[in-house]
Amino acid sequence: MKMRTWALLVAVLLVIAACGDDGGGDTTVAADDEGATTTVAEDGATTTAGDDGATTTAGETAAEGAGTADTDLGTILVDAEGFTLYVFTNDAGGESSCYDDCAATWPPVPGDTAIGSDLDAGIFGTTARTDGTEQLTVNDQPLYRYAPDASPGDTTGQAVGGVWFVVGADGAMIGGPEASNGSGTRGDDYDY
């Protein structure tokens, strides 16, 4: 019964969004299976509201490339679409150790990703991957997305396996061991 109520609510929201266009800009509203709704405005700002009423906002700076979003974990790094960025504590010496199945679950952030004006560009760089592409780094730690994050602002990859962590605007891991720049915590355990 609860799922039917959410489906009806989503349908109503979509009808309101479609009919409510006054020419002032486009807004898209969508919902996932858990009942969380995501609103994407014409300016690229996204707001995600879960069924618990909590909201996460990824602002206009995310539209530039890497930016920040306010979440229940604090202000964190996100990509241009508002998806959370992570570091992998098993990466050593600024090089990625996440390939093949790992990279399918934890896609590397491309090295040519723009850095938002709200961030210190000096803490970002790139690292070469074995396939010849470049990956964006922060404080010499390669950055990744987490494929199971379904909506902008999701942080479901936080602390997966005790080796994947979100990153603050200053490039420091949030909620994880101190950034080691090479002293991985669990050998080759990728937990993907």
C-alpha atoms as a PDB file:
ATOM      1  CA  MET A   1       0.000   0.000   0.000  1.00  0.00           C
ATOM      2  CA  LYS A   2       2.825   2.382   0.845  1.00  0.00           C
ATOM      3  CA  MET A   3       4.398   1.850  -2.612  1.00  0.00           C
ATOM      4  CA  ARG A   4       1.082   2.628  -4.299  1.00  0.00           C
ATOM      5  CA  THR A   5       0.845   5.888  -2.327  1.00  0.00           C
ATOM      6  CA  TRP A   6       4.361   6.898  -3.430  1.00  0.00           C
ATOM      7  CA  ALA A   7       3.582   6.027  -7.040  1.00  0.00           C
ATOM      8  CA  LEU A   8       0.465   8.209  -6.904  1.00  0.00           C
ATOM      9  CA  LEU A   9       2.425  11.057  -5.298  1.00  0.00           C
ATOM     10  CA  VAL A  10       5.100  10.848  -7.978  1.00  0.00           C
ATOM     11  CA  ALA A  11       2.494  10.849 -10.735  1.00  0.00           C
ATOM     12  CA  VAL A  12       0.845  13.935  -9.235  1.00  0.00           C
ATOM     13  CA  LEU A  13       4.212  15.710  -8.919  1.00  0.00           C
ATOM     14  CA  LEU A  14       5.073  14.923 -12.526  1.00  0.00           C
ATOM     15  CA  VAL A  15       1.715  16.251 -13.742  1.00  0.00           C
ATOM     16  CA  ILE A  16       2.132  19.415 -11.655  1.00  0.00           C
ATOM     17  CA  ALA A  17       5.683  19.902 -12.950  1.00  0.00           C
ATOM     18  CA  ALA A  18       4.560  19.405 -16.553  1.00  0.00           C
ATOM     19  CA  CYS A  19       1.539  21.691 -16.267  1.00  0.00           C
ATOM     20  CA  GLY A  20       3.170  24.295 -14.081  1.00  0.00           C
ATOM     21  CA  ASP A  21       5.610  25.642 -16.668  1.00  0.00           C
ATOM     22  CA  ASP A  22       5.099  29.371 -16.877  1.00  0.00           C
ATOM     23  CA  GLY A  23       7.951  29.877 -19.323  1.00  0.00           C
ATOM     24  CA  GLY A  24      10.269  30.798 -16.456  1.00  0.00           C
ATOM     25  CA  GLY A  25      12.470  27.700 -16.777  1.00  0.00           C
ATOM     26  CA  ASP A  26      12.405  23.953 -16.872  1.00  0.00           C
ATOM     27  CA  THR A  27      12.203  21.814 -13.753  1.00  0.00           C
ATOM     28  CA  THR A  28      12.287  18.025 -13.741  1.00  0.00           C
ATOM     29  CA  VAL A  29      10.965  15.946 -10.844  1.00  0.00           C
ATOM     30  CA  ALA A  30      11.659  12.218 -10.527  1.00  0.00           C
ATOM     31  CA  ALA A  31      11.369   9.590  -7.817  1.00  0.00           C
ATOM     32  CA  ASP A  32      13.260   6.391  -7.124  1.00  0.00           C
ATOM     33  CA  ASP A  33      11.945   3.073  -5.758  1.00  0.00           C
ATOM     34  CA  GLU A  34      12.684   4.185  -2.185  1.00  0.00           C
ATOM     35  CA  GLY A  35      10.390   7.205  -2.468  1.00  0.00           C
ATOM     36  CA  ALA A  36      13.156   9.813  -2.707  1.00  0.00           C
ATOM     37  CA  THR A  37      12.367  12.641  -5.120  1.00  0.00           C
ATOM     38  CA  THR A  38      14.925  14.597  -7.109  1.00  0.00           C
ATOM     39  CA  THR A  39      14.206  18.013  -8.593  1.00  0.00           C
ATOM     40  CA  VAL A  40      16.533  19.375 -11.272  1.00  0.00           C
ATOM     41  CA  ALA A  41      16.137  23.052 -12.149  1.00  0.00           C
ATOM     42  CA  GLU A  42      17.093  24.655 -15.461  1.00  0.00           C
ATOM     43  CA  ASP A  43      20.224  26.178 -13.850  1.00  0.00           C
ATOM     44  CA  GLY A  44      21.512  22.697 -12.987  1.00  0.00           C
ATOM     45  CA  ALA A  45      20.752  22.916  -9.268  1.00  0.00           C
ATOM     46  CA  THR A  46      19.412  19.681  -7.845  1.00  0.00           C
ATOM     47  CA  THR A  47      17.501  18.951  -4.683  1.00  0.00           C
ATOM     48  CA  THR A  48      16.925  15.436  -3.423  1.00  0.00           C
ATOM     49  CA  ALA A  49      14.341  14.714  -0.735  1.00  0.00           C
ATOM     50  CA  GLY A  50      14.120  11.298   0.867  1.00  0.00           C
ATOM     51  CA  ASP A  51      10.994   9.770   2.335  1.00  0.00           C
ATOM     52  CA  ASP A  52      12.306  10.880   5.732  1.00  0.00           C
ATOM     53  CA  GLY A  53      12.026  14.509   4.635  1.00  0.00           C
ATOM     54  CA  ALA A  54      15.801  15.114   4.578  1.00  0.00           C
ATOM     55  CA  THR A  55      17.034  17.128   1.611  1.00  0.00           C
ATOM     56  CA  THR A  56      20.362  17.382  -0.152  1.00  0.00           C
ATOM     57  CA  THR A  57      21.208  20.231  -2.475  1.00  0.00           C
ATOM     58  CA  ALA A  58      23.855  20.379  -5.167  1.00  0.00           C
ATOM     59  CA  GLY A  59      24.215  24.024  -6.174  1.00  0.00           C
ATOM     60  CA  GLU A  60      25.030  25.848  -9.364  1.00  0.00           C
ATOM     61  CA  THR A  61      28.767  25.363  -8.875  1.00  0.00           C
ATOM     62  CA  ALA A  62      28.341  21.654  -9.589  1.00  0.00           C
ATOM     63  CA  ALA A  63      27.294  22.578 -13.141  1.00  0.00           C
ATOM     64  CA  GLU A  64      30.871  23.834 -13.746  1.00  0.00           C
ATOM     65  CA  GLY A  65      32.387  20.433 -13.010  1.00  0.00           C
ATOM     66  CA  ALA A  66      33.558  19.268  -9.609  1.00  0.00           C
ATOM     67  CA  GLY A  67      31.771  21.276  -6.951  1.00  0.00           C
ATOM     68  CA  THR A  68      30.276  20.875  -3.508  1.00  0.00           C
ATOM     69  CA  ALA A  69      26.964  19.815  -2.010  1.00  0.00           C
ATOM     70  CA  ASP A  70      25.627  19.968   1.523  1.00  0.00           C
ATOM     71  CA  THR A  71      24.698  16.519   2.824  1.00  0.00           C
ATOM     72  CA  ASP A  72      24.142  14.835   6.160  1.00  0.00           C
ATOM     73  CA  LEU A  73      27.906  14.094   6.095  1.00  0.00           C
ATOM     74  CA  GLY A  74      28.749  17.796   5.688  1.00  0.00           C
ATOM     75  CA  THR A  75      29.870  19.714   2.610  1.00  0.00           C
ATOM     76  CA  ILE A  76      31.309  17.178   0.179  1.00  0.00           C
ATOM     77  CA  LEU A  77      32.743  17.006  -3.333  1.00  0.00           C
ATOM     78  CA  VAL A  78      30.312  16.181  -6.137  1.00  0.00           C
ATOM     79  CA  ASP A  79      30.531  15.987  -9.916  1.00  0.00           C
ATOM     80  CA  ALA A  80      28.734  18.244 -12.403  1.00  0.00           C
ATOM     81  CA  GLU A  81      25.528  16.211 -12.011  1.00  0.00           C
ATOM     82  CA  GLY A  82      25.619  16.449  -8.201  1.00  0.00           C
ATOM     83  CA  PHE A  83      26.780  12.848  -7.656  1.00  0.00           C
ATOM     84  CA  THR A  84      29.078  12.217  -4.696  1.00  0.00           C
ATOM     85  CA  LEU A  85      32.811  11.730  -5.262  1.00  0.00           C
ATOM     86  CA  TYR A  86      34.856   9.227  -3.239  1.00  0.00           C
ATOM     87  CA  VAL A  87      38.470   8.246  -2.544  1.00  0.00           C
ATOM     88  CA  PHE A  88      39.776   4.704  -2.151  1.00  0.00           C
ATOM     89  CA  THR A  89      42.240   4.252   0.713  1.00  0.00           C
ATOM     90  CA  ASN A  90      43.925   1.315  -1.065  1.00  0.00           C
ATOM     91  CA  ASP A  91      45.227   3.635  -3.805  1.00  0.00           C
ATOM     92  CA  ALA A  92      48.959   4.149  -3.327  1.00  0.00           C
ATOM     93  CA  GLY A  93      51.295   6.937  -4.411  1.00  0.00           C
ATOM     94  CA  GLY A  94      48.567   8.890  -6.165  1.00  0.00           C
ATOM     95  CA  GLU A  95      47.838   6.025  -8.568  1.00  0.00           C
ATOM     96  CA  SER A  96      44.562   4.187  -8.968  1.00  0.00           C
ATOM     97  CA  SER A  97      44.387   0.508  -8.101  1.00  0.00           C
ATOM     98  CA  CYS A  98      40.723   0.236  -9.140  1.00  0.00           C
ATOM     99  CA  TYR A  99      40.289  -1.415 -12.556  1.00  0.00           C
ATOM    100  CA  ASP A 100      38.005  -3.885 -14.335  1.00  0.00           C
ATOM    101  CA  ASP A 101      35.045  -4.909 -12.097  1.00  0.00           C
ATOM    102  CA  CYS A 102      36.115  -2.394  -9.474  1.00  0.00           C
ATOM    103  CA  ALA A 103      36.063   0.465 -12.019  1.00  0.00           C
ATOM    104  CA  ALA A 104      32.629  -0.650 -13.234  1.00  0.00           C
ATOM    105  CA  THR A 105      31.274  -0.155  -9.723  1.00  0.00           C
ATOM    106  CA  TRP A 106      33.530   2.813  -8.879  1.00  0.00           C
ATOM    107  CA  PRO A 107      33.938   4.740 -12.167  1.00  0.00           C
ATOM    108  CA  PRO A 108      37.009   6.999 -12.164  1.00  0.00           C
ATOM    109  CA  VAL A 109      36.372  10.734 -12.488  1.00  0.00           C
ATOM    110  CA  PRO A 110      37.858  11.915 -15.823  1.00  0.00           C
ATOM    111  CA  GLY A 111      41.003  14.008 -15.519  1.00  0.00           C
ATOM    112  CA  ASP A 112      39.568  16.796 -17.689  1.00  0.00           C
ATOM    113  CA  THR A 113      36.732  17.476 -15.220  1.00  0.00           C
ATOM    114  CA  ALA A 114      36.494  21.221 -14.578  1.00  0.00           C
ATOM    115  CA  ILE A 115      36.950  22.471 -11.026  1.00  0.00           C
ATOM    116  CA  GLY A 116      34.174  24.694  -9.641  1.00  0.00           C
ATOM    117  CA  SER A 117      34.980  28.250  -8.629  1.00  0.00           C
ATOM    118  CA  ASP A 118      34.037  27.445  -5.007  1.00  0.00           C
ATOM    119  CA  LEU A 119      36.994  25.047  -4.715  1.00  0.00           C
ATOM    120  CA  ASP A 120      40.762  25.515  -4.343  1.00  0.00           C
ATOM    121  CA  ALA A 121      41.986  24.324  -7.741  1.00  0.00           C
ATOM    122  CA  GLY A 122      45.473  23.873  -6.252  1.00  0.00           C
ATOM    123  CA  ILE A 123      44.443  20.703  -4.402  1.00  0.00           C
ATOM    124  CA  PHE A 124      43.336  18.987  -7.634  1.00  0.00           C
ATOM    125  CA  GLY A 125      45.479  17.208 -10.192  1.00  0.00           C
ATOM    126  CA  THR A 126      45.427  14.149 -12.406  1.00  0.00           C
ATOM    127  CA  THR A 127      46.960  10.692 -12.489  1.00  0.00           C
ATOM    128  CA  ALA A 128      47.541   8.415 -15.468  1.00  0.00           C
ATOM    129  CA  ARG A 129      45.510   5.206 -15.627  1.00  0.00           C
ATOM    130  CA  THR A 130      46.830   2.038 -17.241  1.00  0.00           C
ATOM    131  CA  ASP A 131      44.422   2.485 -20.179  1.00  0.00           C
ATOM    132  CA  GLY A 132      46.065   5.804 -21.074  1.00  0.00           C
ATOM    133  CA  THR A 133      43.292   8.036 -19.713  1.00  0.00           C
ATOM    134  CA  GLU A 134      43.702  10.605 -16.951  1.00  0.00           C
ATOM    135  CA  GLN A 135      41.826  10.522 -13.637  1.00  0.00           C
ATOM    136  CA  LEU A 136      41.075  13.539 -11.443  1.00  0.00           C
ATOM    137  CA  THR A 137      42.764  13.576  -8.034  1.00  0.00           C
ATOM    138  CA  VAL A 138      42.343  15.619  -4.872  1.00  0.00           C
ATOM    139  CA  ASN A 139      45.317  15.895  -2.529  1.00  0.00           C
ATOM    140  CA  ASP A 140      46.973  13.207  -4.695  1.00  0.00           C
ATOM    141  CA  GLN A 141      44.075  10.738  -4.112  1.00  0.00           C
ATOM    142  CA  PRO A 142      42.220   9.520  -7.252  1.00  0.00           C
ATOM    143  CA  LEU A 143      38.494  10.383  -7.268  1.00  0.00           C
ATOM    144  CA  TYR A 144      35.612   8.027  -8.115  1.00  0.00           C
ATOM    145  CA  ARG A 145      31.827   7.921  -8.342  1.00  0.00           C
ATOM    146  CA  TYR A 146      29.827   5.028  -6.927  1.00  0.00           C
ATOM    147  CA  ALA A 147      27.551   3.441  -9.550  1.00  0.00           C
ATOM    148  CA  PRO A 148      24.870   2.387  -7.006  1.00  0.00           C
ATOM    149  CA  ASP A 149      24.339   6.052  -5.991  1.00  0.00           C
ATOM    150  CA  ALA A 150      21.007   6.473  -7.767  1.00  0.00           C
ATOM    151  CA  SER A 151      20.436  10.191  -7.267  1.00  0.00           C
ATOM    152  CA  PRO A 152      22.466  13.363  -6.830  1.00  0.00           C
ATOM    153  CA  GLY A 153      23.398  13.705  -3.168  1.00  0.00           C
ATOM    154  CA  ASP A 154      23.310   9.955  -2.428  1.00  0.00           C
ATOM    155  CA  THR A 155      26.232   8.844  -0.249  1.00  0.00           C
ATOM    156  CA  THR A 156      25.626   5.086  -0.229  1.00  0.00           C
ATOM    157  CA  GLY A 157      29.295   4.419  -0.972  1.00  0.00           C
ATOM    158  CA  GLN A 158      30.418   6.011   2.283  1.00  0.00           C
ATOM    159  CA  ALA A 159      32.635   3.605   4.280  1.00  0.00           C
ATOM    160  CA  VAL A 160      31.966   0.639   1.958  1.00  0.00           C
ATOM    161  CA  GLY A 161      34.396  -2.048   3.078  1.00  0.00           C
ATOM    162  CA  GLY A 162      36.050   0.491   5.341  1.00  0.00           C
ATOM    163  CA  VAL A 163      38.064   1.739   2.336  1.00  0.00           C
ATOM    164  CA  TRP A 164      35.788   4.101   0.333  1.00  0.00           C
ATOM    165  CA  PHE A 165      35.032   7.588   1.702  1.00  0.00           C
ATOM    166  CA  VAL A 166      33.464  10.876   0.689  1.00  0.00           C
ATOM    167  CA  VAL A 167      35.691  13.932   0.545  1.00  0.00           C
ATOM    168  CA  GLY A 168      35.206  17.417   1.971  1.00  0.00           C
ATOM    169  CA  ALA A 169      35.718  20.648   0.029  1.00  0.00           C
ATOM    170  CA  ASP A 170      39.262  20.800   1.450  1.00  0.00           C
ATOM    171  CA  GLY A 171      40.111  17.391  -0.053  1.00  0.00           C
ATOM    172  CA  ALA A 172      40.144  15.581   3.300  1.00  0.00           C
ATOM    173  CA  MET A 173      38.326  12.283   3.775  1.00  0.00           C
ATOM    174  CA  ILE A 174      35.186  12.513   5.858  1.00  0.00           C
ATOM    175  CA  GLY A 175      34.566   9.775   8.398  1.00  0.00           C
ATOM    176  CA  GLY A 176      37.481   7.618   7.359  1.00  0.00           C
ATOM    177  CA  PRO A 177      41.043   7.022   8.370  1.00  0.00           C
ATOM    178  CA  GLU A 178      43.387   9.933   7.819  1.00  0.00           C
ATOM    179  CA  ALA A 179      44.300  10.216   4.118  1.00  0.00           C
ATOM    180  CA  SER A 180      47.354   8.044   3.766  1.00  0.00           C
ATOM    181  CA  ASN A 181      48.491   8.864   0.230  1.00  0.00           C
ATOM    182  CA  GLY A 182      49.596   5.316  -0.144  1.00  0.00           C
ATOM    183  CA  SER A 183      49.274   3.230   2.992  1.00  0.00           C
ATOM    184  CA  GLY A 184      46.151   1.294   2.035  1.00  0.00           C
ATOM    185  CA  THR A 185      44.207  -0.289   4.842  1.00  0.00           C
ATOM    186  CA  ARG A 186      43.105  -3.666   3.520  1.00  0.00           C
ATOM    187  CA  GLY A 187      45.417  -5.037   0.873  1.00  0.00           C
ATOM    188  CA  ASP A 188      43.554  -5.834  -2.337  1.00  0.00           C
ATOM    189  CA  ASP A 189      40.067  -5.920  -0.777  1.00  0.00           C
ATOM    190  CA  TYR A 190      38.087  -3.616  -3.056  1.00  0.00           C
ATOM    191  CA  ASP A 191      34.657  -4.345  -1.593  1.00  0.00           C
ATOM    192  CA  TYR A 192      32.762  -3.611  -4.774  1.00  0.00           C
END
